[in-house]
């Protein structure tokens, strides 16, 4: 379960989401099994190892979030990820906000679960460009900076955008 994730304001909300995912998985498995030989085992799926990511008490641990600046203008973020007691600094250019940290931690968690090389995953993440409208940093006219957060107008998104600007 992601720790301190604004998408799940409580443990109950996260559990409800996980229950829905497991129900959907069981329905999908039942569907596959109705067609004969199925390599997918419901038991294996439901007993899979859990790997947690987040900013505290997690297997894939993010910390030391900060906004990167170039000539007093925001250009991206940096944070430290710790996996198996080894820490690595990650810099993501082009966007700001904690949502980018959580997305990167989720990607690293999936990669770690599949045995991918951590340094290669970090190199790929650092080349990634954020999606338009998701706290993307743009250079404007007359040496201005635009933070494009036009994708979502929910109260949670607004709250997170304002928190990002406080940093």
Foldseek 3Di string as FASTA:
>chain_A
DAPPDLVQPDPVSVVVVVVVVLVVVVVVVVVQPVVPDDPDDNVCVVPDDDFYEYCPDGQWHKDDWDFDDDPNHTFWIKIWTAHPNDIDIATAGFFFFCVLVVVLSVVLVVCVVVVHDPVVSRVVRNPDHDDAQCQTWDQDPPRDIDGRNNPDDDPSSVVRVVVRVVD
